[in-house]
Amino acid sequence: MNIKVLDTTLRDGEQTPGVSLTASEKFRIANQLDEIGIDYIEAGSAITSNGERESIKEITKQGFNAQILSFSRPLTVDIDYCLDCDVDAVNLVVPTSDLHIQDKLKTTRDELLKLSNNAIDYCKDHGLIVELSAEDASRSDVDFLKRVYADAIDHNVDRICVCDTVGILTPDNSYELFSKLNDLPVPIACHCHNDFGLAVANTLSALKGGVSEIHTTINGIGERAGNTSFEECVVSIDRLLPQFDTNIKINEIYDISKLVARLTGVYIQPNKAIVGENAFSHESGIHSDGIIKNSATYESITPELVGRKRKFVIGKHMGTKGLNNKLKELGMNVDEDQLHQICDNIKVLADKGKTVTDVDLQVIADNVLEVNHEDRISLDEVTIVSGNKVMPTASVKITVDGEQILNAGVGLGPVDAAINAIKSLDVFNDIDLIEYHVDAITGGTDAFIDVIIKLQKEDKVVSARGTEPDIINASVKAYIAGVNRLLRD
């Protein structure tokens, strides 16, 4: 059975506290949602603002394959704004629990029914596809809920949706509720929230109960604890529920996850399923050994399925098999005794609480192998001019292959200016800074600063660190250490 996916990242997802997307950002996300195979895109709520309406209009005029919806209350003013945005459909949201009807709307069940039916008629008279979403359906009287849906069907609604608005369903309750509704003669959708961490589980149970459409957000963002996670739900359907399928291009999931995280500023927890940084990372020696022999030993899916790559993490839990694999990635071949010495040295560092980077591993391995690299680049001097009315400017004196070079650069801040002054030289042209992370090791304004960066040259990625009381010196030290590592044969 083919399951339709309605993505509400641009509406419910944008209701995440602190998130506000520009029109261009919404368009970029909508464009990628369409490319990945989403069936229905809820582009926003047209009643919200002029800017919101302009964003929706920009999306509707693109001629996407996906059906474009706007959220709407059962009010003429909302529906008119939806029509003005030229959407294909509306997600008409009607509260159905007595709590919402009596305490929020201050009305009665009969008045609520009349409001819902009139709104559906108005939408249909103006050529809109209508999905009727029952807000707080999971706390509604089931008989009344069925009456709302039955009336809606009599008024030619196209689809209906059950909303677990405050996330109180359990997988068993979800299956039971949807099983009571699956005899209705229109497609049924489920919209789950993650207040108890059960949104994905409840959605999967709803599918077994008869649902043919699911509502999701990328990375599970949304109000409070968020919504049903798109990536977790879609991959679970693909791998765990063979009786169902979707139109989603699963190998593009990681790309859209990163895009949404970057544009919303809601970054992904490292241990998040499917898209978290650690989802396909292995440190444990037992796990690494198994993975190298057969990835299925400790991975239920391959990282390539969702557009990712596997990685082995350096740390005290790392075994010799994983370490040897990592050393080979860095172009180093060692014998058995050398491998065990390197592993022991890593554990000593890790036991002290130190994060062991690729550069640390290189130094440890070089010491064991008695190999001393002569760095091509060294820092002689860095000078910064900055202030609240001065564009941050940096001058650097560095030695490259024995030749001393003086250069300058500007930036958004003093660190940016210093790095720009260095990387504007020809030797740095094909090196990209792809990650920059800062930690204060101790408290106070005199704290030591630990800067960890990742640099990339073609398909080679290395990490490096600098620890200084001064963030600028720490950043420059880390950057040059990483570049020296990349420039070695």
Protein backbone atom coordinates (compact mmCIF):
# COMPACT_ATOMS: atom_id res chain seq x y z
CA MET A 1 0.00 0.00 0.00
CA ASN A 2 1.38 3.38 -0.99
CA ILE A 3 1.46 5.91 1.86
CA LYS A 4 1.22 9.62 1.10
CA VAL A 5 3.46 11.99 3.06
CA LEU A 6 2.34 15.50 4.04
CA ASP A 7 5.27 17.55 5.25
CA THR A 8 4.50 20.43 7.60
CA THR A 9 8.05 21.65 8.26
CA LEU A 10 7.15 25.05 6.80
CA ARG A 11 4.10 25.45 9.06
CA ASP A 12 4.14 23.29 12.18
CA GLY A 13 7.93 23.01 12.05
CA GLU A 14 8.33 26.78 11.86
CA GLN A 15 6.31 27.02 15.08
CA THR A 16 9.39 25.68 16.87
CA PRO A 17 10.33 28.36 19.43
CA GLY A 18 12.95 30.68 17.99
CA VAL A 19 12.47 29.63 14.35
CA SER A 20 11.42 32.14 11.70
CA LEU A 21 12.18 31.41 8.06
CA THR A 22 12.51 34.01 5.31
CA ALA A 23 10.69 33.63 2.00
CA SER A 24 13.86 32.50 0.24
CA GLU A 25 14.60 29.95 2.96
CA LYS A 26 11.07 28.55 2.75
CA PHE A 27 11.41 28.28 -1.01
CA ARG A 28 14.70 26.39 -0.73
CA ILE A 29 13.17 23.88 1.67
CA ALA A 30 9.99 23.51 -0.42
CA ASN A 31 12.05 22.96 -3.56
CA GLN A 32 14.02 20.15 -1.93
CA LEU A 33 10.85 18.66 -0.40
CA ASP A 34 9.39 18.45 -3.88
CA GLU A 35 12.56 16.93 -5.31
CA ILE A 36 12.71 14.27 -2.60
CA GLY A 37 9.17 13.08 -3.45
CA ILE A 38 6.92 14.63 -0.78
CA ASP A 39 3.27 14.31 -1.86
CA TYR A 40 1.78 17.27 0.03
CA ILE A 41 3.61 20.37 1.29
CA GLU A 42 1.93 22.52 3.93
CA ALA A 43 3.64 25.77 2.93
CA GLY A 44 2.45 27.88 5.86
CA SER A 45 -0.56 29.60 7.34
CA ALA A 46 -1.84 32.27 4.97
CA ILE A 47 -3.64 34.23 7.70
CA THR A 48 -0.38 34.83 9.60
CA SER A 49 1.14 37.85 7.81
CA ASN A 50 1.88 39.54 4.51
CA GLY A 51 5.34 37.98 4.52
CA GLU A 52 3.88 34.53 5.07
CA ARG A 53 1.50 35.00 2.15
CA GLU A 54 4.34 36.14 -0.12
CA SER A 55 6.30 33.04 0.86
CA ILE A 56 3.36 30.77 0.03
CA LYS A 57 2.74 32.54 -3.30
CA GLU A 58 6.40 32.07 -4.28
CA ILE A 59 6.00 28.33 -3.67
CA THR A 60 2.63 27.91 -5.39
CA LYS A 61 3.79 29.58 -8.60
CA GLN A 62 6.63 27.08 -9.12
CA GLY A 63 4.42 24.30 -10.46
CA PHE A 64 5.81 21.68 -8.09
CA ASN A 65 4.67 18.07 -8.37
CA ALA A 66 3.64 18.18 -4.73
CA GLN A 67 0.20 19.47 -3.76
CA ILE A 68 0.60 22.79 -1.91
CA LEU A 69 -1.56 23.48 1.15
CA SER A 70 -2.10 26.26 3.63
CA PHE A 71 -3.27 25.85 7.19
CA SER A 72 -6.69 27.41 7.76
CA ARG A 73 -9.16 27.80 10.56
CA PRO A 74 -12.84 27.20 9.62
CA LEU A 75 -13.26 30.93 8.99
CA THR A 76 -14.01 32.73 5.73
CA VAL A 77 -11.24 35.26 6.31
CA ASP A 78 -8.64 32.47 6.57
CA ILE A 79 -9.93 30.68 3.50
CA ASP A 80 -9.93 33.89 1.45
CA TYR A 81 -6.26 34.40 2.25
CA CYS A 82 -5.60 30.82 1.15
CA LEU A 83 -7.36 31.51 -2.14
CA ASP A 84 -5.32 34.68 -2.58
CA CYS A 85 -2.17 32.56 -2.30
CA ASP A 86 -3.42 30.22 -5.04
CA VAL A 87 -2.85 27.04 -3.02
CA ASP A 88 -4.13 23.70 -4.25
CA ALA A 89 -5.64 22.71 -0.93
CA VAL A 90 -6.29 23.73 2.65
CA ASN A 91 -5.56 21.93 5.87
CA LEU A 92 -8.81 22.94 7.56
CA VAL A 93 -8.26 22.54 11.29
CA VAL A 94 -11.33 22.15 13.52
CA PRO A 95 -11.09 21.46 17.30
CA THR A 96 -13.17 18.43 18.27
CA SER A 97 -12.47 17.76 21.95
CA ASP A 98 -14.91 19.16 24.52
CA LEU A 99 -11.94 20.83 26.18
CA HIS A 100 -11.22 22.86 23.06
CA ILE A 101 -14.84 23.41 22.05
CA GLN A 102 -15.97 24.64 25.46
CA ASP A 103 -12.88 26.23 27.00
CA LYS A 104 -11.09 27.58 23.92
CA LEU A 105 -13.88 28.35 21.45
CA LYS A 106 -16.60 28.94 24.07
CA THR A 107 -19.16 27.22 21.86
CA THR A 108 -21.12 23.97 21.55
CA ARG A 109 -20.73 20.78 19.59
CA ASP A 110 -23.63 21.71 17.29
CA GLU A 111 -22.16 25.13 16.55
CA LEU A 112 -18.80 23.55 15.91
CA LEU A 113 -20.36 21.15 13.39
CA LYS A 114 -22.07 24.02 11.62
CA LEU A 115 -18.83 26.00 11.49
CA SER A 116 -16.93 23.03 10.07
CA ASN A 117 -19.52 22.15 7.43
CA ASN A 118 -19.93 25.74 6.26
CA ALA A 119 -16.17 26.12 5.92
CA ILE A 120 -15.91 22.95 3.83
CA ASP A 121 -18.72 24.17 1.58
CA TYR A 122 -16.99 27.52 1.12
CA CYS A 123 -13.71 25.85 0.22
CA LYS A 124 -15.30 23.43 -2.23
CA ASP A 125 -17.36 26.21 -3.86
CA HIS A 126 -14.06 27.98 -4.57
CA GLY A 127 -12.32 24.94 -6.04
CA LEU A 128 -10.10 23.98 -3.12
CA ILE A 129 -9.13 20.46 -2.11
CA VAL A 130 -9.95 20.05 1.58
CA GLU A 131 -8.24 17.99 4.24
CA LEU A 132 -10.20 18.29 7.47
CA SER A 133 -7.95 17.94 10.52
CA ALA A 134 -9.64 17.28 13.85
CA GLU A 135 -7.55 19.13 16.42
CA ASP A 136 -7.13 17.31 19.73
CA ALA A 137 -8.87 14.29 18.18
CA SER A 138 -7.03 11.91 20.52
CA ARG A 139 -8.88 13.47 23.47
CA SER A 140 -12.22 13.71 21.68
CA ASP A 141 -15.33 11.61 22.19
CA VAL A 142 -15.01 9.01 19.42
CA ASP A 143 -18.71 9.05 18.56
CA PHE A 144 -18.67 12.82 18.15
CA LEU A 145 -15.42 12.61 16.18
CA LYS A 146 -17.03 10.17 13.77
CA ARG A 147 -20.02 12.49 13.46
CA VAL A 148 -17.70 15.40 12.52
CA TYR A 149 -16.05 13.26 9.87
CA ALA A 150 -19.34 11.84 8.57
CA ASP A 151 -20.75 15.36 8.14
CA ALA A 152 -17.54 16.43 6.41
CA ILE A 153 -17.81 13.52 3.99
CA ASP A 154 -21.43 14.50 3.25
CA HIS A 155 -20.06 17.95 2.37
CA ASN A 156 -17.53 16.41 -0.04
CA VAL A 157 -14.34 16.70 2.01
CA ASP A 158 -11.40 15.06 0.23
CA ARG A 159 -9.37 13.74 3.15
CA ILE A 160 -9.61 13.64 6.93
CA CYS A 161 -6.89 13.78 9.56
CA VAL A 162 -6.71 12.72 13.20
CA CYS A 163 -4.46 15.01 15.26
CA ASP A 164 -2.78 13.82 18.44
CA THR A 165 -2.29 17.46 19.36
CA VAL A 166 -0.63 16.99 22.75
CA GLY A 167 0.97 13.62 22.02
CA ILE A 168 -0.95 11.49 24.51
CA LEU A 169 -1.51 8.42 22.33
CA THR A 170 0.38 5.18 22.84
CA PRO A 171 1.01 2.72 19.99
CA ASP A 172 -1.82 0.46 21.24
CA ASN A 173 -4.25 3.36 21.62
CA SER A 174 -3.26 4.72 18.24
CA TYR A 175 -4.02 1.42 16.50
CA GLU A 176 -7.32 1.12 18.35
CA LEU A 177 -8.44 4.67 17.48
CA PHE A 178 -7.65 4.43 13.78
CA SER A 179 -9.18 0.97 13.54
CA LYS A 180 -12.48 2.53 14.63
CA LEU A 181 -12.27 5.05 11.78
CA ASN A 182 -10.92 2.99 8.90
CA ASP A 183 -14.38 2.27 7.48
CA LEU A 184 -14.80 5.92 6.46
CA PRO A 185 -14.85 6.25 2.66
CA VAL A 186 -12.07 8.87 2.33
CA PRO A 187 -8.30 8.74 2.91
CA ILE A 188 -7.35 9.09 6.60
CA ALA A 189 -4.21 10.86 7.80
CA CYS A 190 -2.51 11.02 11.18
CA HIS A 191 -0.75 14.02 12.69
CA CYS A 192 1.24 13.13 15.80
CA HIS A 193 3.19 15.19 18.32
CA ASN A 194 6.16 13.90 20.28
CA ASP A 195 5.44 15.03 23.86
CA PHE A 196 6.15 11.54 25.22
CA GLY A 197 8.64 10.56 22.53
CA LEU A 198 6.06 8.32 20.82
CA ALA A 199 5.20 10.26 17.64
CA VAL A 200 6.95 7.87 15.24
CA ALA A 201 5.70 4.75 17.06
CA ASN A 202 2.14 6.10 17.10
CA THR A 203 2.32 6.96 13.41
CA LEU A 204 3.51 3.46 12.50
CA SER A 205 0.68 1.96 14.59
CA ALA A 206 -1.78 4.28 12.84
CA LEU A 207 -0.66 2.84 9.50
CA LYS A 208 -1.57 -0.63 10.70
CA GLY A 209 -4.91 0.79 11.85
CA GLY A 210 -5.80 1.93 8.34
CA VAL A 211 -4.11 5.30 7.75
CA SER A 212 -2.98 6.09 4.19
CA GLU A 213 -1.34 9.47 4.82
CA ILE A 214 1.12 10.67 7.46
CA HIS A 215 2.08 14.18 8.60
CA THR A 216 5.76 14.75 9.38
CA THR A 217 8.42 17.42 9.80
CA ILE A 218 12.07 17.20 8.80
CA ASN A 219 14.18 16.29 11.86
CA GLY A 220 10.95 16.12 13.88
CA ILE A 221 11.00 19.86 14.63
CA GLY A 222 7.86 21.59 15.90
CA GLU A 223 6.20 23.03 18.97
CA ARG A 224 7.19 21.71 22.39
CA ALA A 225 8.82 18.28 21.82
CA GLY A 226 8.19 18.42 18.07
CA ASN A 227 6.30 16.38 15.48
CA THR A 228 6.66 12.99 13.85
CA SER A 229 10.20 12.79 12.48
CA PHE A 230 10.09 12.51 8.69
CA GLU A 231 13.34 10.63 8.31
CA GLU A 232 12.69 8.16 11.13
CA CYS A 233 9.17 7.42 9.95
CA VAL A 234 9.95 7.04 6.24
CA VAL A 235 12.98 4.80 6.77
CA SER A 236 11.03 2.69 9.29
CA ILE A 237 8.28 2.20 6.71
CA ASP A 238 10.84 1.22 4.09
CA ARG A 239 12.71 -1.26 6.29
CA LEU A 240 10.30 -2.44 8.98
CA LEU A 241 6.84 -2.39 7.35
CA PRO A 242 7.14 -4.15 3.97
CA GLN A 243 3.39 -3.97 3.40
CA PHE A 244 3.72 -0.19 2.95
CA ASP A 245 5.80 2.07 0.72
CA THR A 246 6.21 5.79 0.00
CA ASN A 247 7.32 7.92 -2.94
CA ILE A 248 10.32 9.30 -1.03
CA LYS A 249 13.87 9.19 -2.44
CA ILE A 250 15.44 7.83 0.71
CA ASN A 251 19.04 8.38 -0.40
CA GLU A 252 18.42 12.16 -0.30
CA ILE A 253 17.15 12.24 3.29
CA TYR A 254 20.43 13.34 4.88
CA ASP A 255 20.82 16.30 2.51
CA ILE A 256 17.40 17.77 3.33
CA SER A 257 17.94 17.09 7.03
CA LYS A 258 21.15 19.15 6.97
CA LEU A 259 19.47 21.91 4.95
CA VAL A 260 16.60 22.29 7.43
CA ALA A 261 18.97 22.17 10.41
CA ARG A 262 21.11 24.89 8.88
CA LEU A 263 18.27 27.22 7.88
CA THR A 264 16.24 26.86 11.07
CA GLY A 265 19.20 26.84 13.44
CA VAL A 266 17.70 23.79 15.16
CA TYR A 267 20.68 21.50 15.10
CA ILE A 268 20.43 17.74 15.28
CA GLN A 269 21.25 15.87 18.47
CA PRO A 270 24.27 13.60 17.85
CA ASN A 271 22.46 10.39 18.76
CA LYS A 272 19.33 11.08 16.68
CA ALA A 273 18.28 8.11 14.58
CA ILE A 274 19.09 8.15 10.86
CA VAL A 275 20.53 11.69 10.61
CA GLY A 276 22.42 12.23 13.89
CA GLU A 277 26.20 12.58 13.74
CA ASN A 278 26.64 9.33 15.67
CA ALA A 279 24.03 7.27 13.80
CA PHE A 280 26.70 5.53 11.70
CA SER A 281 29.77 6.22 13.87
CA HIS A 282 31.58 3.41 15.66
CA GLU A 283 34.13 3.56 18.48
CA SER A 284 33.69 0.31 20.39
CA GLY A 285 36.33 -2.24 19.43
CA ILE A 286 33.82 -5.09 19.30
CA HIS A 287 31.50 -3.08 17.06
CA SER A 288 34.27 -1.82 14.77
CA ASP A 289 35.63 -5.32 14.28
CA GLY A 290 32.16 -6.62 13.40
CA ILE A 291 31.44 -3.72 11.05
CA ILE A 292 34.69 -4.23 9.13
CA LYS A 293 33.90 -7.92 8.66
CA ASN A 294 30.21 -7.46 7.85
CA SER A 295 28.41 -4.14 8.35
CA ALA A 296 25.14 -5.94 9.12
CA THR A 297 26.58 -7.11 12.45
CA TYR A 298 26.02 -3.69 14.03
CA GLU A 299 24.05 -1.71 11.44
CA SER A 300 20.42 -2.46 10.60
CA ILE A 301 20.70 -0.24 7.51
CA THR A 302 23.69 0.94 5.53
CA PRO A 303 24.59 4.64 5.77
CA GLU A 304 24.51 4.87 1.97
CA LEU A 305 20.76 4.11 2.02
CA VAL A 306 20.08 7.58 3.44
CA GLY A 307 22.95 9.40 1.73
CA ARG A 308 25.52 9.05 4.51
CA LYS A 309 28.94 7.53 5.15
CA ARG A 310 30.16 5.32 7.97
CA LYS A 311 32.97 6.54 10.21
CA PHE A 312 35.15 5.11 12.93
CA VAL A 313 35.68 7.36 15.95
CA ILE A 314 39.00 7.62 17.77
CA GLY A 315 38.63 7.02 21.50
CA LYS A 316 39.38 4.76 24.44
CA HIS A 317 36.73 2.23 23.38
CA MET A 318 38.32 1.84 19.97
CA GLY A 319 39.78 -1.57 19.21
CA THR A 320 42.76 -2.35 17.05
CA LYS A 321 40.66 -3.36 14.03
CA GLY A 322 38.87 -0.01 13.86
CA LEU A 323 42.09 1.86 14.64
CA ASN A 324 43.97 0.10 11.88
CA ASN A 325 41.16 0.96 9.47
CA LYS A 326 41.38 4.62 10.55
CA LEU A 327 45.17 4.67 10.14
CA LYS A 328 44.85 3.28 6.62
CA GLU A 329 42.37 6.07 5.82
CA LEU A 330 45.13 8.49 6.86
CA GLY A 331 47.62 6.72 4.61
CA MET A 332 49.57 4.99 7.39
CA ASN A 333 50.55 1.32 7.53
CA VAL A 334 51.71 -0.14 10.84
CA ASP A 335 52.66 -3.54 12.14
CA GLU A 336 50.94 -5.35 15.03
CA ASP A 337 53.26 -4.03 17.77
CA GLN A 338 53.04 -0.45 16.52
CA LEU A 339 49.26 -0.71 16.30
CA HIS A 340 48.99 -1.77 19.95
CA GLN A 341 51.34 1.03 21.06
CA ILE A 342 49.24 3.62 19.22
CA CYS A 343 46.05 2.18 20.72
CA ASP A 344 47.51 2.34 24.25
CA ASN A 345 48.60 5.97 23.78
CA ILE A 346 45.11 6.93 22.58
CA LYS A 347 43.56 5.38 25.68
CA VAL A 348 45.91 7.33 27.94
CA LEU A 349 44.78 10.59 26.33
CA ALA A 350 41.10 9.62 26.31
CA ASP A 351 41.20 8.64 30.00
CA LYS A 352 42.23 12.22 30.74
CA GLY A 353 39.04 13.46 29.07
CA LYS A 354 40.76 14.66 25.89
CA THR A 355 38.98 14.45 22.55
CA VAL A 356 41.37 12.60 20.24
CA THR A 357 41.37 14.22 16.79
CA ASP A 358 42.92 13.10 13.51
CA VAL A 359 45.85 15.40 14.19
CA ASP A 360 46.35 13.85 17.65
CA LEU A 361 46.30 10.41 16.06
CA GLN A 362 48.86 11.55 13.48
CA VAL A 363 51.21 12.84 16.19
CA ILE A 364 50.81 9.66 18.26
CA ALA A 365 51.44 7.47 15.24
CA ASP A 366 54.43 9.56 14.14
CA ASN A 367 55.98 9.21 17.59
CA VAL A 368 55.51 5.46 17.56
CA LEU A 369 56.89 5.22 14.03
CA GLU A 370 59.61 7.75 14.85
CA VAL A 371 58.55 9.86 11.91
CA ASN A 372 58.97 13.61 12.22
CA HIS A 373 57.24 15.77 9.64
CA GLU A 374 58.61 19.21 8.99
CA ASP A 375 55.65 21.56 8.79
CA ARG A 376 55.48 23.59 5.60
CA ILE A 377 53.68 26.46 7.29
CA SER A 378 54.38 28.20 10.59
CA LEU A 379 52.93 31.31 12.22
CA ASP A 380 55.36 34.08 13.10
CA GLU A 381 53.00 36.88 14.08
CA VAL A 382 49.33 37.86 14.07
CA THR A 383 47.98 41.35 14.82
CA ILE A 384 44.31 42.28 15.16
CA VAL A 385 42.51 45.63 15.00
CA SER A 386 38.86 45.47 16.09
CA GLY A 387 36.18 47.50 17.83
CA ASN A 388 32.53 48.48 17.77
CA LYS A 389 33.14 51.06 15.00
CA VAL A 390 36.05 49.39 13.21
CA MET A 391 35.89 46.61 10.64
CA PRO A 392 37.90 43.72 12.14
CA THR A 393 41.25 43.63 10.35
CA ALA A 394 44.13 41.18 10.76
CA SER A 395 47.72 41.14 9.57
CA VAL A 396 49.70 37.91 9.67
CA LYS A 397 53.31 37.02 9.16
CA ILE A 398 53.75 33.37 8.26
CA THR A 399 56.51 31.23 6.85
CA VAL A 400 55.57 28.99 3.90
CA ASP A 401 58.23 26.55 2.66
CA GLY A 402 60.94 28.73 4.20
CA GLU A 403 59.65 31.98 2.71
CA GLN A 404 58.28 34.61 5.06
CA ILE A 405 55.03 36.21 3.85
CA LEU A 406 53.10 39.18 5.21
CA ASN A 407 49.39 39.37 4.45
CA ALA A 408 46.20 41.08 5.69
CA GLY A 409 42.49 40.37 5.71
CA VAL A 410 39.16 41.62 7.04
CA GLY A 411 36.19 39.71 8.41
CA LEU A 412 32.97 39.78 10.36
CA GLY A 413 34.98 39.35 13.57
CA PRO A 414 38.64 39.16 14.61
CA VAL A 415 38.83 35.37 14.21
CA ASP A 416 37.25 35.56 10.76
CA ALA A 417 39.67 38.33 9.80
CA ALA A 418 42.71 36.34 10.96
CA ILE A 419 41.65 33.18 9.09
CA ASN A 420 40.83 35.23 5.97
CA ALA A 421 44.29 36.81 6.07
CA ILE A 422 45.85 33.35 6.03
CA LYS A 423 43.62 31.51 3.59
CA SER A 424 43.74 34.25 0.93
CA LEU A 425 47.25 33.04 0.07
CA ASP A 426 47.57 30.76 -2.96
CA VAL A 427 48.69 27.73 -0.97
CA PHE A 428 45.28 27.65 0.78
CA ASN A 429 43.09 28.01 -2.34
CA ASP A 430 41.67 24.49 -2.46
CA ILE A 431 41.25 24.05 1.31
CA ASP A 432 37.79 24.56 2.82
CA LEU A 433 36.93 25.17 6.47
CA ILE A 434 33.86 22.97 6.97
CA GLU A 435 33.44 23.02 10.75
CA TYR A 436 34.48 25.33 13.60
CA HIS A 437 33.74 24.63 17.25
CA VAL A 438 34.76 26.52 20.40
CA ASP A 439 34.72 25.43 24.06
CA ALA A 440 35.83 27.28 27.18
CA ILE A 441 37.79 24.70 29.17
CA THR A 442 37.73 26.65 32.43
CA GLY A 443 35.41 29.28 33.84
CA GLY A 444 35.93 33.03 33.86
CA THR A 445 37.12 35.59 31.35
CA ASP A 446 40.65 34.17 31.54
CA ALA A 447 39.46 30.70 30.50
CA PHE A 448 41.53 28.56 28.19
CA ILE A 449 39.81 28.26 24.82
CA ASP A 450 39.73 24.96 22.95
CA VAL A 451 39.11 25.40 19.22
CA ILE A 452 38.39 22.33 17.09
CA ILE A 453 38.10 22.68 13.33
CA LYS A 454 37.61 20.44 10.32
CA LEU A 455 39.28 21.20 6.99
CA GLN A 456 38.70 19.59 3.62
CA LYS A 457 40.88 19.32 0.52
CA GLU A 458 39.13 17.46 -2.29
CA ASP A 459 37.85 14.24 -0.63
CA LYS A 460 40.27 14.37 2.31
CA VAL A 461 38.99 15.69 5.65
CA VAL A 462 41.09 16.29 8.77
CA SER A 463 40.40 17.79 12.16
CA ALA A 464 42.76 19.92 14.23
CA ARG A 465 42.70 21.79 17.50
CA GLY A 466 44.30 24.76 19.21
CA THR A 467 44.18 25.50 22.93
CA GLU A 468 45.13 28.98 24.12
CA PRO A 469 43.86 31.66 26.51
CA ASP A 470 43.23 33.78 23.38
CA ILE A 471 40.52 32.60 20.98
CA ILE A 472 42.24 34.22 17.99
CA ASN A 473 45.57 32.50 18.64
CA ALA A 474 43.80 29.20 19.33
CA SER A 475 41.86 29.47 16.07
CA VAL A 476 44.90 30.34 13.97
CA LYS A 477 46.93 27.58 15.62
CA ALA A 478 44.21 25.01 14.86
CA TYR A 479 43.81 26.21 11.28
CA ILE A 480 47.53 26.05 10.47
CA ALA A 481 47.90 22.65 12.16
CA GLY A 482 45.09 21.29 10.00
CA VAL A 483 46.50 22.79 6.80
CA ASN A 484 49.94 21.28 7.50
CA ARG A 485 48.26 17.91 7.91
CA LEU A 486 46.39 18.27 4.60
CA LEU A 487 49.51 19.37 2.70
CA ARG A 488 51.50 16.28 3.65
CA ASP A 489 51.72 13.60 0.99
